[in-house]
N, C-alpha and C. Protein backbone atom coordinates (compact mmCIF):
# COMPACT_ATOMS: atom_id res chain seq x y z
N MET A 1 106.63 50.42 111.62
CA MET A 1 106.12 51.76 111.38
C MET A 1 107.03 52.50 110.41
N THR A 2 108.35 52.43 110.63
CA THR A 2 109.29 53.11 109.75
C THR A 2 109.18 52.56 108.33
N ARG A 3 109.02 51.27 108.23
CA ARG A 3 108.91 50.64 106.92
C ARG A 3 107.68 51.14 106.17
N ASN A 4 106.54 51.28 106.85
CA ASN A 4 105.32 51.76 106.21
C ASN A 4 105.47 53.21 105.75
N LEU A 5 106.09 54.06 106.59
CA LEU A 5 106.30 55.45 106.21
C LEU A 5 107.22 55.53 105.00
N SER A 6 108.27 54.72 105.03
CA SER A 6 109.21 54.71 103.91
C SER A 6 108.51 54.25 102.63
N ALA A 7 107.71 53.23 102.74
CA ALA A 7 106.98 52.72 101.57
C ALA A 7 106.01 53.77 101.05
N SER A 8 105.31 54.46 101.95
CA SER A 8 104.38 55.52 101.54
C SER A 8 105.13 56.65 100.85
N TRP A 9 106.27 57.03 101.41
CA TRP A 9 107.09 58.11 100.82
C TRP A 9 107.51 57.73 99.40
N ASN A 10 108.05 56.51 99.27
CA ASN A 10 108.51 56.06 97.95
C ASN A 10 107.36 55.96 96.97
N ALA A 11 106.24 55.44 97.40
CA ALA A 11 105.09 55.31 96.51
C ALA A 11 104.61 56.68 96.04
N ALA A 12 104.52 57.62 96.95
CA ALA A 12 104.05 58.96 96.60
C ALA A 12 105.00 59.64 95.62
N HIS A 13 106.28 59.48 95.83
CA HIS A 13 107.25 60.19 95.01
C HIS A 13 107.57 59.46 93.71
N ASN A 14 107.42 58.16 93.70
CA ASN A 14 107.73 57.41 92.49
C ASN A 14 106.56 57.38 91.52
N HIS A 15 105.37 57.66 91.96
CA HIS A 15 104.20 57.57 91.09
C HIS A 15 103.63 58.93 90.77
N GLY A 16 104.43 59.99 90.87
CA GLY A 16 104.00 61.30 90.42
C GLY A 16 103.06 62.03 91.34
N GLN A 17 102.93 61.60 92.59
CA GLN A 17 102.02 62.27 93.50
C GLN A 17 102.67 63.45 94.21
N CYS A 18 103.91 63.73 93.94
CA CYS A 18 104.60 64.85 94.59
C CYS A 18 105.33 65.68 93.53
N PRO A 19 104.62 66.58 92.85
CA PRO A 19 105.25 67.36 91.79
C PRO A 19 106.36 68.27 92.30
N GLN A 20 106.30 68.69 93.57
CA GLN A 20 107.35 69.54 94.12
C GLN A 20 108.68 68.81 94.13
N ALA A 21 108.66 67.54 94.48
CA ALA A 21 109.89 66.75 94.52
C ALA A 21 110.47 66.60 93.12
N ARG A 22 109.60 66.36 92.13
CA ARG A 22 110.08 66.25 90.75
C ARG A 22 110.69 67.56 90.28
N ARG A 23 110.04 68.70 90.60
CA ARG A 23 110.58 70.00 90.19
C ARG A 23 111.92 70.26 90.86
N LEU A 24 112.02 69.90 92.15
CA LEU A 24 113.26 70.09 92.88
C LEU A 24 114.38 69.26 92.26
N LEU A 25 114.08 68.01 91.94
CA LEU A 25 115.09 67.15 91.31
C LEU A 25 115.50 67.69 89.95
N ARG A 26 114.51 68.17 89.16
CA ARG A 26 114.85 68.74 87.85
C ARG A 26 115.72 69.97 88.01
N ALA A 27 115.38 70.83 88.97
CA ALA A 27 116.18 72.05 89.19
C ALA A 27 117.59 71.69 89.63
N ALA A 28 117.72 70.70 90.53
CA ALA A 28 119.05 70.29 91.00
C ALA A 28 119.86 69.70 89.85
N ALA A 29 119.22 68.88 89.02
CA ALA A 29 119.92 68.31 87.87
C ALA A 29 120.32 69.41 86.89
N ALA A 30 119.44 70.37 86.69
CA ALA A 30 119.74 71.48 85.78
C ALA A 30 120.91 72.30 86.30
N LEU A 31 120.94 72.55 87.61
CA LEU A 31 122.06 73.29 88.19
C LEU A 31 123.37 72.54 88.00
N ALA A 32 123.34 71.23 88.23
CA ALA A 32 124.54 70.43 88.06
C ALA A 32 125.00 70.45 86.61
N LEU A 33 124.06 70.33 85.68
CA LEU A 33 124.39 70.37 84.27
C LEU A 33 124.95 71.73 83.88
N ALA A 34 124.35 72.79 84.38
CA ALA A 34 124.82 74.14 84.06
C ALA A 34 126.24 74.36 84.55
N ALA A 35 126.55 73.80 85.70
CA ALA A 35 127.90 73.96 86.25
C ALA A 35 128.93 73.25 85.38
N LEU A 36 128.52 72.20 84.67
CA LEU A 36 129.45 71.45 83.84
C LEU A 36 129.60 72.03 82.43
N LEU A 37 128.56 72.72 81.97
CA LEU A 37 128.59 73.24 80.61
C LEU A 37 129.18 74.63 80.56
N ALA A 38 129.81 74.95 79.48
CA ALA A 38 130.35 76.31 79.30
C ALA A 38 129.66 76.93 78.10
N ALA A 39 129.24 78.18 78.24
CA ALA A 39 128.63 78.91 77.13
C ALA A 39 129.43 80.17 76.90
N CYS A 40 129.70 80.47 75.67
CA CYS A 40 130.52 81.63 75.33
C CYS A 40 129.79 82.92 75.70
N GLY A 41 130.55 83.88 76.25
CA GLY A 41 130.02 85.21 76.50
C GLY A 41 129.18 85.37 77.75
N LYS A 42 128.94 84.33 78.49
CA LYS A 42 128.13 84.43 79.71
C LYS A 42 128.96 83.94 80.89
N SER A 43 128.71 84.58 82.03
CA SER A 43 129.40 84.15 83.24
C SER A 43 128.75 82.86 83.75
N ALA A 44 129.47 82.16 84.60
CA ALA A 44 128.92 80.94 85.20
C ALA A 44 127.66 81.27 86.00
N GLU A 45 127.68 82.42 86.68
CA GLU A 45 126.51 82.83 87.47
C GLU A 45 125.29 83.01 86.57
N GLU A 46 125.46 83.64 85.41
CA GLU A 46 124.33 83.85 84.49
C GLU A 46 123.82 82.51 83.95
N ARG A 47 124.74 81.62 83.57
CA ARG A 47 124.33 80.31 83.04
C ARG A 47 123.59 79.50 84.09
N ILE A 48 124.10 79.48 85.31
CA ILE A 48 123.45 78.72 86.38
C ILE A 48 122.08 79.31 86.69
N THR A 49 122.00 80.64 86.76
CA THR A 49 120.73 81.30 87.04
C THR A 49 119.71 80.99 85.95
N GLU A 50 120.12 81.10 84.68
CA GLU A 50 119.22 80.79 83.57
C GLU A 50 118.69 79.37 83.67
N THR A 51 119.59 78.43 83.90
CA THR A 51 119.21 77.02 83.95
C THR A 51 118.28 76.74 85.12
N ALA A 52 118.58 77.30 86.28
CA ALA A 52 117.74 77.06 87.46
C ALA A 52 116.35 77.64 87.27
N ILE A 53 116.27 78.88 86.78
CA ILE A 53 114.96 79.51 86.59
C ILE A 53 114.18 78.80 85.50
N SER A 54 114.85 78.40 84.42
CA SER A 54 114.17 77.67 83.36
C SER A 54 113.61 76.35 83.87
N ALA A 55 114.39 75.63 84.67
CA ALA A 55 113.94 74.35 85.22
C ALA A 55 112.76 74.54 86.17
N ALA A 56 112.83 75.56 87.00
CA ALA A 56 111.77 75.78 87.98
C ALA A 56 110.49 76.30 87.33
N SER A 57 110.62 77.13 86.30
CA SER A 57 109.44 77.75 85.69
C SER A 57 108.90 76.97 84.51
N GLY A 58 109.72 76.11 83.92
CA GLY A 58 109.28 75.38 82.74
C GLY A 58 109.36 76.23 81.48
N GLN A 59 109.99 77.39 81.55
CA GLN A 59 110.15 78.28 80.39
C GLN A 59 111.62 78.52 80.14
N LYS A 60 111.94 78.88 78.90
CA LYS A 60 113.31 79.30 78.60
C LYS A 60 113.48 80.70 79.15
N VAL A 61 114.53 80.90 79.93
CA VAL A 61 114.82 82.20 80.55
C VAL A 61 116.23 82.60 80.18
N GLU A 62 116.37 83.84 79.74
CA GLU A 62 117.69 84.39 79.44
C GLU A 62 118.03 85.41 80.51
N VAL A 63 119.24 85.33 81.06
CA VAL A 63 119.67 86.23 82.12
C VAL A 63 120.86 87.04 81.65
N GLU A 64 120.79 88.35 81.87
CA GLU A 64 121.92 89.22 81.56
C GLU A 64 122.23 90.03 82.80
N ARG A 65 123.51 90.17 83.09
CA ARG A 65 123.93 90.94 84.25
C ARG A 65 124.78 92.11 83.78
N ASP A 66 124.49 93.29 84.33
CA ASP A 66 125.26 94.49 84.03
C ASP A 66 125.48 95.23 85.34
N GLY A 67 126.62 95.00 85.97
CA GLY A 67 126.90 95.63 87.26
C GLY A 67 125.94 95.14 88.32
N ASP A 68 125.21 96.07 88.94
CA ASP A 68 124.25 95.73 90.00
C ASP A 68 122.89 95.33 89.45
N GLN A 69 122.73 95.28 88.13
CA GLN A 69 121.42 95.01 87.53
C GLN A 69 121.41 93.66 86.82
N MET A 70 120.31 92.92 86.99
CA MET A 70 120.10 91.67 86.26
C MET A 70 118.80 91.81 85.49
N THR A 71 118.79 91.32 84.25
CA THR A 71 117.59 91.32 83.42
C THR A 71 117.24 89.87 83.12
N PHE A 72 115.97 89.52 83.35
CA PHE A 72 115.46 88.18 83.09
C PHE A 72 114.48 88.30 81.93
N LYS A 73 114.71 87.56 80.84
CA LYS A 73 113.85 87.63 79.66
C LYS A 73 113.23 86.26 79.39
N THR A 74 111.92 86.28 79.14
CA THR A 74 111.20 85.07 78.73
C THR A 74 110.36 85.44 77.51
N GLY A 75 109.64 84.49 76.99
CA GLY A 75 108.73 84.77 75.89
C GLY A 75 107.61 85.71 76.29
N ASP A 76 107.34 85.82 77.59
CA ASP A 76 106.27 86.68 78.09
C ASP A 76 106.71 88.12 78.34
N GLY A 77 108.00 88.39 78.34
CA GLY A 77 108.48 89.74 78.61
C GLY A 77 109.79 89.70 79.37
N GLU A 78 110.11 90.83 80.01
CA GLU A 78 111.35 90.88 80.77
C GLU A 78 111.15 91.56 82.10
N MET A 79 112.07 91.26 83.02
CA MET A 79 112.06 91.85 84.35
C MET A 79 113.49 92.28 84.65
N ARG A 80 113.63 93.50 85.17
CA ARG A 80 114.94 94.01 85.57
C ARG A 80 114.95 94.19 87.08
N VAL A 81 116.05 93.76 87.69
CA VAL A 81 116.22 93.88 89.13
C VAL A 81 117.60 94.46 89.39
N ALA A 82 117.65 95.46 90.27
CA ALA A 82 118.94 96.03 90.67
C ALA A 82 118.92 96.19 92.18
N SER A 83 120.03 95.88 92.81
CA SER A 83 120.14 96.10 94.25
C SER A 83 121.60 96.37 94.58
N GLY A 84 121.81 97.08 95.65
CA GLY A 84 123.16 97.41 96.06
C GLY A 84 123.15 98.48 97.12
N GLU A 85 124.32 98.92 97.49
CA GLU A 85 124.44 99.92 98.55
C GLU A 85 123.90 101.28 98.15
N SER A 86 124.27 101.76 96.99
CA SER A 86 123.85 103.09 96.58
C SER A 86 123.61 103.11 95.07
N LEU A 87 122.41 102.73 94.68
CA LEU A 87 122.05 102.70 93.27
C LEU A 87 121.59 104.08 92.82
N ARG A 88 121.60 104.26 91.50
CA ARG A 88 121.06 105.49 90.94
C ARG A 88 119.57 105.33 90.71
N LEU A 89 118.86 106.44 90.82
CA LEU A 89 117.46 106.47 90.45
C LEU A 89 117.39 106.23 88.94
N PRO A 90 116.45 105.42 88.45
CA PRO A 90 116.37 105.22 87.00
C PRO A 90 116.25 106.56 86.27
N ASP A 91 116.91 106.68 85.13
CA ASP A 91 116.92 107.93 84.37
C ASP A 91 115.52 108.40 84.00
N ASP A 92 114.62 107.46 83.73
CA ASP A 92 113.27 107.84 83.31
C ASP A 92 112.26 107.85 84.46
N PHE A 93 112.75 107.96 85.70
CA PHE A 93 111.85 108.01 86.85
C PHE A 93 111.01 109.28 86.76
N PRO A 94 109.68 109.16 86.93
CA PRO A 94 108.81 110.33 86.77
C PRO A 94 109.09 111.41 87.81
N ASP A 95 109.06 112.65 87.37
CA ASP A 95 109.36 113.76 88.29
C ASP A 95 108.16 114.19 89.12
N ASP A 96 107.00 113.55 88.91
CA ASP A 96 105.83 113.90 89.72
C ASP A 96 105.57 112.90 90.85
N VAL A 97 106.55 112.06 91.15
CA VAL A 97 106.44 111.07 92.23
C VAL A 97 107.34 111.50 93.38
N TYR A 98 106.82 111.43 94.59
CA TYR A 98 107.52 111.85 95.80
C TYR A 98 108.85 111.13 96.00
N LEU A 99 109.85 111.92 96.33
CA LEU A 99 111.14 111.42 96.80
C LEU A 99 111.53 112.28 98.00
N PRO A 100 112.01 111.68 99.08
CA PRO A 100 112.43 112.49 100.23
C PRO A 100 113.64 113.34 99.86
N GLY A 101 113.92 114.35 100.66
CA GLY A 101 115.02 115.27 100.37
C GLY A 101 116.37 114.59 100.29
N ASP A 102 116.66 113.68 101.18
CA ASP A 102 117.95 113.00 101.22
C ASP A 102 117.67 111.50 101.32
N TYR A 103 117.99 110.75 100.28
CA TYR A 103 117.65 109.32 100.25
C TYR A 103 118.74 108.55 99.52
N GLN A 104 118.71 107.23 99.70
CA GLN A 104 119.54 106.31 98.94
C GLN A 104 118.63 105.26 98.32
N VAL A 105 118.88 104.95 97.06
CA VAL A 105 118.14 103.90 96.38
C VAL A 105 118.78 102.57 96.75
N ARG A 106 118.00 101.66 97.30
CA ARG A 106 118.51 100.34 97.72
C ARG A 106 118.21 99.24 96.72
N SER A 107 117.03 99.33 96.06
CA SER A 107 116.72 98.32 95.04
C SER A 107 115.70 98.89 94.06
N VAL A 108 115.74 98.33 92.85
CA VAL A 108 114.81 98.72 91.79
C VAL A 108 114.37 97.44 91.09
N LEU A 109 113.07 97.29 90.90
CA LEU A 109 112.51 96.15 90.17
C LEU A 109 111.58 96.72 89.11
N GLU A 110 111.74 96.27 87.87
CA GLU A 110 110.86 96.71 86.79
C GLU A 110 110.35 95.48 86.06
N VAL A 111 109.01 95.39 85.93
CA VAL A 111 108.41 94.28 85.21
C VAL A 111 107.02 94.67 84.72
N SER A 112 106.75 94.47 83.47
CA SER A 112 105.43 94.63 82.86
C SER A 112 104.67 95.87 83.32
N GLY A 113 105.22 97.03 83.13
CA GLY A 113 104.51 98.27 83.47
C GLY A 113 104.49 98.60 84.94
N THR A 114 105.22 97.85 85.75
CA THR A 114 105.29 98.11 87.19
C THR A 114 106.74 98.35 87.58
N ARG A 115 106.93 99.33 88.44
CA ARG A 115 108.27 99.65 88.94
C ARG A 115 108.18 99.72 90.46
N VAL A 116 109.07 99.01 91.14
CA VAL A 116 109.11 99.00 92.60
C VAL A 116 110.50 99.42 93.04
N LEU A 117 110.55 100.46 93.89
CA LEU A 117 111.82 100.96 94.41
C LEU A 117 111.81 100.87 95.91
N SER A 118 112.97 100.59 96.47
CA SER A 118 113.16 100.64 97.91
C SER A 118 114.21 101.72 98.17
N LEU A 119 113.84 102.68 99.02
CA LEU A 119 114.73 103.79 99.37
C LEU A 119 114.97 103.77 100.87
N SER A 120 116.06 104.37 101.29
CA SER A 120 116.26 104.59 102.72
C SER A 120 116.54 106.07 102.91
N ALA A 121 116.05 106.59 104.03
CA ALA A 121 116.22 108.01 104.36
C ALA A 121 116.29 108.14 105.87
N GLU A 122 116.79 109.26 106.33
CA GLU A 122 116.80 109.53 107.76
C GLU A 122 115.62 110.43 108.10
N GLY A 123 115.11 110.26 109.30
CA GLY A 123 114.00 111.11 109.74
C GLY A 123 113.00 110.33 110.55
N LYS A 124 111.84 110.93 110.71
CA LYS A 124 110.74 110.29 111.43
C LYS A 124 109.70 109.85 110.41
N ALA A 125 109.23 108.65 110.58
CA ALA A 125 108.31 108.06 109.61
C ALA A 125 107.08 108.94 109.38
N MET A 126 106.48 109.46 110.43
CA MET A 126 105.25 110.23 110.25
C MET A 126 105.51 111.59 109.61
N ASP A 127 106.71 112.15 109.79
CA ASP A 127 107.07 113.38 109.08
C ASP A 127 107.17 113.11 107.58
N LEU A 128 107.80 111.99 107.22
CA LEU A 128 107.92 111.63 105.81
C LEU A 128 106.57 111.24 105.22
N PHE A 129 105.70 110.64 106.02
CA PHE A 129 104.35 110.31 105.60
C PHE A 129 103.61 111.58 105.20
N ALA A 130 103.64 112.60 106.06
CA ALA A 130 102.97 113.87 105.78
C ALA A 130 103.59 114.56 104.56
N GLU A 131 104.91 114.51 104.47
CA GLU A 131 105.63 115.11 103.34
C GLU A 131 105.24 114.42 102.03
N ALA A 132 105.17 113.09 102.04
CA ALA A 132 104.80 112.33 100.84
C ALA A 132 103.38 112.66 100.41
N ARG A 133 102.46 112.69 101.34
CA ARG A 133 101.06 113.00 101.04
C ARG A 133 100.96 114.37 100.37
N GLU A 134 101.59 115.36 100.99
CA GLU A 134 101.53 116.73 100.47
C GLU A 134 102.18 116.84 99.09
N ALA A 135 103.34 116.23 98.91
CA ALA A 135 104.06 116.31 97.63
C ALA A 135 103.29 115.63 96.50
N MET A 136 102.73 114.46 96.77
CA MET A 136 101.99 113.74 95.73
C MET A 136 100.74 114.53 95.32
N GLN A 137 100.00 115.05 96.30
CA GLN A 137 98.80 115.82 95.98
C GLN A 137 99.16 117.11 95.23
N ALA A 138 100.26 117.75 95.61
CA ALA A 138 100.70 118.96 94.93
C ALA A 138 101.12 118.67 93.48
N SER A 139 101.49 117.42 93.19
CA SER A 139 101.87 117.03 91.83
C SER A 139 100.69 116.49 91.04
N GLY A 140 99.48 116.64 91.56
CA GLY A 140 98.29 116.25 90.83
C GLY A 140 97.79 114.84 91.06
N TRP A 141 98.36 114.13 92.01
CA TRP A 141 97.92 112.78 92.33
C TRP A 141 96.70 112.84 93.25
N LYS A 142 95.73 111.97 93.02
CA LYS A 142 94.54 111.87 93.87
C LYS A 142 94.77 110.74 94.87
N GLN A 143 94.67 111.08 96.15
CA GLN A 143 94.86 110.06 97.19
C GLN A 143 93.65 109.14 97.22
N THR A 144 93.89 107.83 97.20
CA THR A 144 92.81 106.85 97.24
C THR A 144 92.80 106.04 98.53
N MET A 145 93.90 106.11 99.30
CA MET A 145 93.97 105.36 100.54
C MET A 145 95.08 105.92 101.41
N ALA A 146 94.83 105.95 102.71
CA ALA A 146 95.86 106.29 103.70
C ALA A 146 95.67 105.35 104.88
N MET A 147 96.77 104.77 105.35
CA MET A 147 96.67 103.83 106.45
C MET A 147 97.91 103.99 107.33
N GLN A 148 97.69 104.10 108.63
CA GLN A 148 98.78 104.16 109.59
C GLN A 148 98.64 102.97 110.53
N HIS A 149 99.66 102.12 110.54
CA HIS A 149 99.64 100.94 111.41
C HIS A 149 100.00 101.35 112.84
N ASP A 150 101.02 102.19 112.95
CA ASP A 150 101.47 102.70 114.24
C ASP A 150 102.32 103.93 113.95
N ALA A 151 103.07 104.41 114.93
CA ALA A 151 103.84 105.65 114.77
C ALA A 151 104.99 105.51 113.77
N ASP A 152 105.35 104.29 113.39
CA ASP A 152 106.48 104.10 112.49
C ASP A 152 106.14 103.41 111.17
N ASN A 153 104.89 103.09 110.94
CA ASN A 153 104.52 102.34 109.74
C ASN A 153 103.24 102.88 109.14
N ALA A 154 103.31 103.25 107.86
CA ALA A 154 102.14 103.83 107.19
C ALA A 154 102.21 103.56 105.69
N MET A 155 101.07 103.77 105.03
CA MET A 155 100.98 103.55 103.60
C MET A 155 100.01 104.54 102.98
N LEU A 156 100.33 105.01 101.78
CA LEU A 156 99.48 105.90 101.01
C LEU A 156 99.31 105.30 99.62
N ALA A 157 98.13 105.49 99.03
CA ALA A 157 97.90 105.07 97.64
C ALA A 157 97.32 106.25 96.87
N PHE A 158 97.73 106.36 95.60
CA PHE A 158 97.32 107.47 94.76
C PHE A 158 97.03 106.97 93.35
N GLU A 159 96.29 107.79 92.59
CA GLU A 159 96.13 107.54 91.17
C GLU A 159 96.19 108.87 90.42
N LYS A 160 96.69 108.78 89.21
CA LYS A 160 96.80 109.96 88.35
C LYS A 160 96.83 109.46 86.91
N ASP A 161 95.94 110.01 86.10
CA ASP A 161 95.84 109.59 84.70
C ASP A 161 95.72 108.07 84.66
N ALA A 162 96.61 107.39 83.98
CA ALA A 162 96.54 105.93 83.86
C ALA A 162 97.59 105.26 84.74
N ARG A 163 97.92 105.90 85.87
CA ARG A 163 98.95 105.35 86.76
C ARG A 163 98.44 105.24 88.19
N ASN A 164 98.97 104.27 88.89
CA ASN A 164 98.74 104.10 90.33
C ASN A 164 100.09 104.19 91.03
N ALA A 165 100.06 104.69 92.26
CA ALA A 165 101.29 104.76 93.06
C ALA A 165 100.95 104.37 94.50
N VAL A 166 101.83 103.60 95.10
CA VAL A 166 101.72 103.25 96.52
C VAL A 166 103.03 103.65 97.18
N VAL A 167 102.92 104.35 98.30
CA VAL A 167 104.09 104.77 99.07
C VAL A 167 103.97 104.11 100.44
N SER A 168 104.92 103.27 100.79
CA SER A 168 104.92 102.66 102.13
C SER A 168 106.11 103.22 102.90
N ILE A 169 105.89 103.49 104.17
CA ILE A 169 106.90 104.12 105.01
C ILE A 169 107.04 103.30 106.28
N ASN A 170 108.28 102.88 106.56
CA ASN A 170 108.56 102.04 107.73
C ASN A 170 109.78 102.58 108.44
N GLY A 171 109.58 103.10 109.65
CA GLY A 171 110.68 103.67 110.42
C GLY A 171 111.17 102.73 111.49
N ASP A 172 112.35 103.04 112.02
CA ASP A 172 112.87 102.27 113.15
C ASP A 172 113.35 103.22 114.24
N ALA A 173 113.75 102.69 115.35
CA ALA A 173 114.14 103.49 116.52
C ALA A 173 115.41 104.30 116.29
N ASP A 174 116.21 103.93 115.29
CA ASP A 174 117.47 104.62 115.02
C ASP A 174 117.32 105.80 114.07
N GLY A 175 116.09 106.13 113.68
CA GLY A 175 115.87 107.26 112.78
C GLY A 175 116.04 106.91 111.31
N GLN A 176 116.17 105.64 110.98
CA GLN A 176 116.23 105.20 109.58
C GLN A 176 114.82 104.87 109.12
N VAL A 177 114.48 105.33 107.94
CA VAL A 177 113.15 105.07 107.38
C VAL A 177 113.33 104.38 106.03
N GLN A 178 112.61 103.28 105.86
CA GLN A 178 112.57 102.58 104.57
C GLN A 178 111.31 103.03 103.85
N ILE A 179 111.48 103.46 102.62
CA ILE A 179 110.36 103.93 101.82
C ILE A 179 110.23 103.03 100.61
N GLY A 180 109.06 102.45 100.45
CA GLY A 180 108.79 101.63 99.28
C GLY A 180 107.90 102.42 98.32
N LEU A 181 108.29 102.47 97.07
CA LEU A 181 107.49 103.12 96.04
C LEU A 181 107.10 102.08 95.01
N GLN A 182 105.81 101.95 94.76
CA GLN A 182 105.34 101.05 93.71
C GLN A 182 104.55 101.88 92.72
N LEU A 183 104.98 101.87 91.47
CA LEU A 183 104.33 102.62 90.40
C LEU A 183 103.84 101.63 89.36
N ARG A 184 102.59 101.81 88.94
CA ARG A 184 102.03 100.86 87.97
C ARG A 184 101.24 101.60 86.92
N GLU A 185 101.45 101.21 85.68
CA GLU A 185 100.66 101.72 84.56
C GLU A 185 99.39 100.88 84.49
N ARG A 186 98.24 101.53 84.50
CA ARG A 186 96.98 100.80 84.35
C ARG A 186 96.76 100.47 82.89
N GLN A 187 96.24 99.32 82.63
CA GLN A 187 96.00 98.87 81.25
C GLN A 187 94.58 99.14 80.85
């Protein structure tokens, strides 16, 4: 029985029937190669990340790191990701989008006309839900959806001009609330 399973495994993987295994092997080989090669002006972390993402995606990927932010560039565009204990709100963040009174930015992702932020704040989830709804509508946003899962989890969706916004609110028993903001430019 073991022999038959082993033969089936080898046959499947040696004859191209398992593309995941080939991709994994290519990515592992690329990581090993990246660790051996040195490129001027880039950290080992950037070189390894570029090589791994390029191997997994099949595209050339350039990675740049600046403090808590990483930028990934391909022929299709770029994506910026930042995470850390206390990040700054992006300088060009729109002033007509709800932000709680006292918050910390935990992560920022920007890609192709979409921006996703994760914030943390203290309070009660449903109080922040009501505050977000009121603030967005007062700023000219039209509510398109409201959903409450339970007393600590809710979501709102809005549209304004050529933009969409989703606000998700998730509270916990300790009074910490995670707020997700997703902003998208409609094409």
